[in-house]
Protein backbone atom coordinates (compact mmCIF):
# COMPACT_ATOMS: atom_id res chain seq x y z
CA MET A 1 0.18 0.11 0.01
CA LEU A 2 1.31 3.48 -1.02
CA PRO A 3 0.11 6.63 0.30
CA PHE A 4 -0.15 9.71 -1.99
CA ARG A 5 -0.53 13.35 -1.30
CA LYS A 6 -4.06 14.31 -1.90
CA CYS A 7 -6.05 15.98 -3.50
CA ARG A 8 -4.58 16.98 -6.80
CA ALA A 9 -5.91 17.97 -10.37
CA ARG A 10 -4.19 18.80 -13.54
CA ALA A 11 -3.95 22.27 -14.59
CA GLY A 12 -7.08 23.47 -16.23
CA ASP A 13 -9.21 20.71 -14.67
CA THR A 14 -12.14 21.13 -12.62
CA VAL A 15 -12.39 18.45 -10.11
CA ALA A 16 -15.66 16.54 -10.04
CA VAL A 17 -17.67 19.13 -12.00
CA PHE A 18 -16.90 18.83 -15.70
CA PRO A 19 -15.57 15.83 -17.62
CA ALA A 20 -11.77 16.14 -18.09
CA LYS A 21 -11.93 15.82 -21.99
CA LEU A 22 -13.76 19.30 -22.23
CA PHE A 23 -10.51 20.91 -20.87
CA THR A 24 -8.15 19.14 -23.28
CA ALA A 25 -7.94 22.00 -25.68
CA VAL A 26 -7.33 24.34 -22.81
CA ILE A 27 -4.53 22.03 -21.22
CA LEU A 28 -2.87 21.71 -24.38
CA LEU A 29 -2.80 25.47 -25.43
CA GLY A 30 -1.55 26.06 -21.73
CA ALA A 31 1.28 23.59 -22.17
CA ILE A 32 2.28 25.10 -25.56
CA ALA A 33 2.08 28.72 -24.10
CA GLY A 34 3.27 28.37 -20.74
CA GLY A 35 5.29 25.22 -20.95
CA ALA A 36 6.01 22.45 -18.43
CA ALA A 37 4.09 19.33 -17.49
CA ALA A 38 0.78 20.98 -16.48
CA PHE A 39 -0.41 19.64 -13.43
CA ALA A 40 -1.25 21.26 -10.10
CA ILE A 41 -1.23 19.55 -6.60
CA ALA A 42 -3.15 20.70 -3.65
CA ARG A 43 -3.18 19.29 -0.08
CA GLY A 44 -6.56 17.64 0.95
CA PRO A 45 -7.78 16.64 4.33
CA GLY A 46 -5.69 13.39 4.27
CA HIS A 47 -3.85 10.62 2.44
CA GLU A 48 -5.41 7.67 0.68
CA ALA A 49 -3.51 4.50 0.48
CA VAL A 50 -3.46 3.09 -2.94
CA ARG A 51 -2.96 -0.56 -3.60
CA LEU A 52 -0.13 -0.80 -6.53
CA PRO A 53 -0.86 -2.98 -9.62
CA GLY A 54 0.33 -6.58 -9.02
CA ALA A 55 0.62 -7.67 -12.81
CA VAL A 56 3.48 -6.77 -15.01
CA THR A 57 2.71 -6.60 -18.69
CA ARG A 58 5.07 -9.03 -20.46
CA ALA A 59 7.12 -7.32 -23.19
CA MET A 60 6.47 -8.82 -26.82
CA ARG A 61 9.27 -6.86 -28.60
CA VAL A 62 11.68 -4.18 -28.35
CA GLY A 63 12.23 -2.58 -31.87
CA ASP A 64 14.60 -4.53 -34.00
CA ALA A 65 16.61 -5.79 -30.92
CA ASP A 66 17.72 -9.54 -31.03
CA GLY A 67 17.67 -11.76 -28.15
CA GLY A 68 15.27 -13.66 -26.15
CA GLN A 69 11.73 -12.31 -24.86
CA GLY A 70 11.57 -11.36 -21.28
CA ASN A 71 9.28 -13.51 -18.99
CA GLY A 72 8.68 -11.06 -16.21
CA SER A 73 10.83 -13.02 -13.89
CA ASP A 74 13.26 -10.79 -11.87
CA ALA A 75 15.65 -13.83 -11.92
CA ASP A 76 16.49 -12.82 -15.50
CA LEU A 77 17.88 -9.47 -14.60
CA PRO A 78 21.56 -9.65 -15.28
CA GLY A 79 22.82 -7.86 -11.87
CA ASP A 80 25.43 -10.22 -10.85
CA GLY A 81 28.07 -9.04 -13.17
CA SER A 82 27.95 -12.41 -15.33
CA ALA A 83 29.90 -12.53 -18.79
CA SER A 84 26.81 -13.97 -20.32
CA ALA A 85 24.84 -10.78 -19.86
CA CYS A 86 27.19 -8.91 -21.87
CA GLU A 87 26.87 -11.13 -24.82
CA ARG A 88 23.49 -8.89 -25.52
CA VAL A 89 25.76 -5.78 -26.34
CA SER A 90 23.89 -3.62 -28.73
CA GLU A 91 25.23 -1.21 -31.31
CA PRO A 92 25.44 2.33 -29.95
CA GLY A 93 23.29 5.08 -31.30
CA ASP A 94 19.62 6.52 -31.17
CA PHE A 95 16.43 4.23 -31.46
CA VAL A 96 12.57 4.76 -31.30
CA PRO A 97 11.47 1.13 -30.79
CA SER A 98 7.96 0.05 -29.98
CA PHE A 99 6.86 -1.80 -26.98
CA GLU A 100 3.66 -3.84 -27.10
CA THR A 101 1.24 -3.85 -24.12
CA PRO A 102 -2.44 -4.90 -23.80
CA GLU A 103 -3.42 -1.44 -24.49
CA GLY A 104 -1.30 -1.21 -27.82
CA GLU A 105 2.15 -0.36 -28.88
CA ARG A 106 4.01 2.17 -26.58
CA PRO A 107 6.93 3.88 -28.24
CA TYR A 108 10.02 5.06 -26.39
CA ARG A 109 13.19 6.53 -27.16
CA LEU A 110 16.35 4.61 -26.37
CA HIS A 111 19.97 6.06 -26.53
CA VAL A 112 22.82 3.39 -26.23
CA PRO A 113 26.13 4.65 -25.56
CA PRO A 114 29.50 3.11 -26.91
CA ASN A 115 30.54 0.18 -24.99
CA PRO A 116 33.53 -1.45 -26.59
CA GLY A 117 34.36 -3.53 -23.37
CA GLY A 118 31.14 -5.15 -23.18
CA ARG A 119 30.46 -3.83 -19.69
CA LEU A 120 27.39 -4.26 -17.67
CA LEU A 121 25.89 -0.60 -18.15
CA PRO A 122 23.63 1.37 -15.82
CA MET A 123 20.28 2.34 -17.03
CA VAL A 124 18.22 5.61 -16.44
CA LEU A 125 14.65 6.10 -17.37
CA ASN A 126 13.75 9.67 -18.09
CA PHE A 127 10.00 10.49 -17.92
CA HIS A 128 8.60 13.68 -19.66
CA GLY A 129 5.96 16.13 -18.00
CA TYR A 130 2.37 16.17 -18.86
CA GLY A 131 1.55 17.44 -22.20
CA ARG A 132 5.05 16.94 -23.51
CA THR A 133 6.90 14.39 -25.48
CA ALA A 134 10.00 12.18 -25.00
CA ALA A 135 11.97 14.03 -27.47
CA GLU A 136 11.20 17.27 -25.59
CA GLN A 137 12.35 15.66 -22.37
CA GLU A 138 15.70 14.30 -23.93
CA GLU A 139 16.38 17.84 -24.96
CA TYR A 140 15.30 19.57 -21.86
CA SER A 141 17.18 17.40 -19.39
CA GLY A 142 20.38 17.10 -21.48
CA LEU A 143 20.92 13.34 -20.44
CA VAL A 144 22.00 12.24 -23.75
CA PRO A 145 25.57 13.64 -24.08
CA LEU A 146 25.79 12.67 -20.40
CA ALA A 147 25.05 9.16 -21.04
CA ASP A 148 27.63 9.13 -23.77
CA ARG A 149 30.14 10.54 -21.32
CA GLU A 150 29.32 8.41 -18.39
CA GLY A 151 28.37 5.24 -20.15
CA PHE A 152 24.67 4.55 -19.29
CA VAL A 153 21.65 3.52 -21.34
CA LEU A 154 19.05 6.26 -21.46
CA VAL A 155 15.34 5.30 -22.02
CA THR A 156 12.92 7.98 -22.39
CA PRO A 157 9.40 6.59 -22.81
CA GLU A 158 6.26 8.36 -24.44
CA GLY A 159 3.33 8.66 -21.82
CA SER A 160 -0.46 7.62 -22.27
CA GLY A 161 -3.37 9.50 -23.38
CA TRP A 162 -3.72 12.82 -25.24
CA PRO A 163 -2.35 15.19 -24.06
CA GLN A 164 0.05 12.54 -22.98
CA GLY A 165 1.10 12.00 -19.34
CA TRP A 166 1.40 9.22 -16.75
CA ASP A 167 -1.60 7.75 -14.99
CA ILE A 168 -0.81 7.69 -11.26
CA PRO A 169 -2.92 5.12 -9.28
CA GLY A 170 -5.02 6.77 -6.43
CA VAL A 171 -4.11 10.36 -7.72
CA TYR A 172 -5.58 10.22 -11.32
CA ALA A 173 -6.14 7.49 -13.78
CA ASP A 174 -8.06 9.33 -16.59
CA ILE A 175 -7.92 6.49 -19.12
CA GLY A 176 -7.01 3.68 -17.03
CA VAL A 177 -3.49 2.65 -18.44
CA ASP A 178 -1.39 1.00 -16.20
CA ASP A 179 1.69 3.08 -16.71
CA THR A 180 3.60 1.57 -13.84
CA ALA A 181 3.26 -1.78 -15.16
CA PHE A 182 4.38 -0.49 -18.56
CA ALA A 183 7.50 0.94 -17.14
CA ALA A 184 8.39 -2.08 -15.01
CA ALA A 185 7.81 -4.38 -18.00
CA LEU A 186 10.09 -1.99 -20.14
CA ILE A 187 12.85 -2.34 -17.59
CA ARG A 188 12.58 -6.08 -17.55
CA GLU A 189 12.56 -6.50 -21.38
CA LEU A 190 15.52 -4.15 -21.88
CA SER A 191 17.43 -5.85 -19.12
CA ALA A 192 17.00 -9.09 -21.00
CA THR A 193 18.04 -7.55 -24.36
CA LEU A 194 20.72 -5.25 -23.58
CA CYS A 195 23.76 -5.39 -21.42
CA ILE A 196 22.21 -3.64 -18.43
CA ASP A 197 23.39 -3.85 -14.82
CA GLY A 198 20.23 -4.76 -12.73
CA GLY A 199 21.44 -2.93 -9.63
CA ARG A 200 22.00 0.40 -11.29
CA VAL A 201 18.65 1.15 -12.83
CA PHE A 202 17.34 4.65 -11.95
CA ALA A 203 14.35 6.71 -12.81
CA THR A 204 14.03 10.53 -13.16
CA GLY A 205 11.58 12.83 -14.76
CA MET A 206 9.94 16.34 -14.88
CA SER A 207 6.85 17.27 -13.07
CA ASN A 208 4.24 14.65 -13.79
CA GLY A 209 7.24 12.64 -14.92
CA GLY A 210 8.92 13.25 -11.61
CA GLN A 211 5.89 11.80 -9.87
CA MET A 212 6.21 8.67 -12.28
CA ALA A 213 9.80 8.28 -11.20
CA ALA A 214 9.18 8.28 -7.56
CA LEU A 215 6.13 6.06 -8.00
CA LEU A 216 7.99 3.47 -10.02
CA ALA A 217 10.91 3.28 -7.65
CA CYS A 218 8.29 2.93 -4.81
CA ALA A 219 6.50 0.19 -6.67
CA HIS A 220 9.37 -1.80 -7.89
CA PRO A 221 12.43 -1.48 -5.55
CA GLU A 222 13.63 -4.65 -7.05
CA LEU A 223 13.94 -2.94 -10.30
CA VAL A 224 14.75 0.75 -9.62
CA ALA A 225 17.63 1.57 -7.35
CA ALA A 226 16.92 5.41 -6.86
CA ALA A 227 14.72 8.23 -8.05
CA ALA A 228 15.39 11.96 -8.95
CA PRO A 229 11.79 13.69 -9.18
CA VAL A 230 12.32 17.34 -10.69
CA ALA A 231 9.56 19.79 -9.79
CA GLY A 232 7.39 16.71 -8.91
CA LEU A 233 8.03 15.45 -5.42
CA ALA A 234 4.53 14.94 -4.39
CA ILE A 235 4.28 11.44 -3.26
CA ASP A 236 4.64 10.32 0.43
CA PRO A 237 7.45 8.24 1.39
CA CYS A 238 7.36 4.60 0.23
CA PRO A 239 6.76 1.47 2.40
CA ASN A 240 10.23 0.37 1.56
CA ARG A 241 13.23 2.62 1.66
CA VAL A 242 14.23 4.42 -1.67
CA PRO A 243 17.23 6.86 -2.18
CA ILE A 244 15.85 10.03 -3.57
CA ILE A 245 17.22 13.39 -4.84
CA ALA A 246 14.72 16.18 -5.61
CA PHE A 247 14.53 19.70 -6.91
CA GLU A 248 11.95 22.29 -6.32
CA GLY A 249 11.74 26.07 -7.09
CA SER A 250 10.19 28.36 -4.48
CA ASP A 251 8.09 30.21 -7.22
CA ASP A 252 6.88 26.96 -8.75
CA TRP A 253 3.41 27.85 -10.07
CA ASN A 254 2.38 24.22 -10.70
CA VAL A 255 3.63 22.00 -8.05
CA GLU A 256 2.94 23.79 -4.65
CA PRO A 257 6.38 24.31 -3.10
CA TRP A 258 5.37 23.79 0.42
CA LEU A 259 3.80 20.58 -0.48
CA VAL A 260 7.32 19.41 -1.80
CA GLU A 261 8.96 20.81 1.36
CA GLU A 262 6.49 18.83 3.60
CA THR A 263 6.82 15.71 1.65
CA PHE A 264 10.58 15.67 1.78
CA ALA A 265 10.40 16.15 5.46
CA LEU A 266 8.70 13.03 5.56
CA TRP A 267 10.84 11.10 3.07
CA GLY A 268 14.16 11.16 5.25
CA PRO A 269 12.98 9.71 8.19
CA ALA A 270 10.96 7.14 6.31
CA ASN A 271 14.34 6.08 4.81
CA GLY A 272 15.83 5.61 8.37
CA CYS A 273 17.86 8.78 8.31
CA ASP A 274 18.11 11.43 11.09
CA PRO A 275 14.85 13.30 11.94
CA GLU A 276 15.90 16.57 10.67
CA PRO A 277 17.91 17.45 7.55
CA THR A 278 20.81 19.83 7.47
CA GLU A 279 21.00 22.76 5.29
CA GLU A 280 23.95 24.04 3.06
CA ARG A 281 24.07 26.97 0.67
CA VAL A 282 25.65 25.62 -2.45
CA SER A 283 25.29 28.97 -4.54
CA GLU A 284 23.73 32.33 -4.22
CA HIS A 285 20.02 31.12 -4.70
CA VAL A 286 20.37 27.20 -4.12
CA VAL A 287 20.12 25.65 -0.92
CA ARG A 288 20.94 21.92 -0.37
CA ARG A 289 18.90 20.21 2.17
CA ALA A 290 20.20 16.65 3.14
CA PHE A 291 19.31 13.67 5.64
CA ALA A 292 22.29 12.11 7.37
CA SER A 293 22.84 8.68 8.77
CA CYS A 294 20.54 7.04 6.22
CA GLY A 295 22.39 3.86 5.71
CA GLY A 296 22.75 4.25 1.96
CA PHE A 297 19.18 5.48 1.43
CA ASP A 298 19.94 9.00 1.17
CA ALA A 299 17.40 11.83 0.70
CA GLU A 300 18.52 15.30 -0.73
CA LEU A 301 16.58 18.30 -1.81
CA TYR A 302 17.89 21.19 -3.87
CA TRP A 303 15.78 24.25 -3.13
CA VAL A 304 16.18 27.01 -5.69
CA GLU A 305 15.02 30.35 -4.53
CA GLY A 306 12.94 32.19 -7.03
CA GLY A 307 13.02 29.03 -9.30
CA GLY A 308 9.84 28.20 -11.42
CA HIS A 309 8.62 24.83 -12.66
CA THR A 310 11.74 24.29 -14.37
CA TRP A 311 14.82 21.68 -14.69
CA PRO A 312 17.94 23.60 -13.08
CA GLY A 313 20.41 24.12 -15.91
CA GLY A 314 17.80 22.63 -18.39
CA ALA A 315 18.33 23.52 -22.12
CA PRO A 316 18.00 27.09 -22.78
CA GLY A 317 14.86 28.19 -24.99
CA SER A 318 13.21 24.79 -24.34
CA ALA A 319 9.50 24.97 -23.98
CA SER A 320 9.48 22.23 -21.28
CA GLY A 321 9.66 24.61 -18.38
CA ALA A 322 8.00 27.89 -16.94
CA GLY A 323 9.37 30.34 -14.85
CA PHE A 324 12.94 31.27 -13.97
CA THR A 325 15.49 28.56 -14.52
CA THR A 326 18.80 28.68 -12.51
CA ASP A 327 22.03 28.07 -14.03
CA GLU A 328 23.88 27.90 -10.86
CA ILE A 329 23.55 24.11 -10.50
CA SER A 330 22.95 21.52 -13.21
CA ALA A 331 20.17 18.97 -12.08
CA THR A 332 21.38 16.59 -14.65
CA GLU A 333 24.92 16.35 -13.31
CA LEU A 334 23.64 16.27 -9.62
CA ILE A 335 21.14 13.56 -10.31
CA TRP A 336 23.95 11.34 -12.01
CA GLY A 337 26.34 11.94 -9.19
CA PHE A 338 23.56 10.83 -6.83
CA PHE A 339 22.79 7.90 -8.87
CA ARG A 340 26.28 6.71 -9.31
CA ALA A 341 26.79 6.84 -5.52
CA VAL A 342 23.68 4.95 -4.32
CA GLY A 343 23.59 2.33 -6.98
CA ARG A 344 23.28 -1.23 -5.66
């Protein structure tokens, strides 16, 4: 059972008054004009425990990749460093394969870095915001060049619905697509077809995609080693401990900053850390809050004073953010540093 922050509604929606589809045009225009994953979160009178989906969709194919099909068993994940896992080495490059689910094919963007030594590689899932696309998220986050430099596989899936986003159980499920099961099945399939280190699979994302990253890590700690929500930490701590690094702007118009602060304050103790975080000013407008004594399940928050609904250090001119974007820190670099430190 996983608690979520309640209540929340996407920007432009009227809760329990009009059908959501009447506002699709409003949402889409707002996303184009104002940018960012358009969803707003407001605290309700309590938290609702939501049962996570138990079934995992079996992958049928991943583009033109060769190799055996995943069978949904975690025993198949190549996390032991065995040489046989690296016999699946793929050619480097950018691909847009499709992944088949009961709801239909789901495209995703796949970036494979050069791997001449046939090593087991980390993998990062990168979730776009509501009303956005995988291509926009790739550009905005700047993770592709980092993947080549640091040697990890980057997976940027497309969401569900239109405008596309991520169905979060218990918070909203507008079209009933099990996005958590989709992402878990995708991890299993890629781990069975590429040279992936099963102990170093991570999830990040922007806004609604940040929610998705945290949810996936909570739902599947056997698959995801850590999460990094950017402008989207709005899910209460997991029943299991999950390392997390988050980013939030004090002037975020979409995800209420006080809610992120309150959520983060709960996450550290839930991870077994000290009761209160320490604070360190890392630049003129950025404060790092971190819990100590976490036993490897670290929890950090980078608080950007005056920051908007943005990815710190994000690509200039991108339509994926709204408000002031700091260049005093790079969320991309900090996320990878965190992932590299906490990988199992």
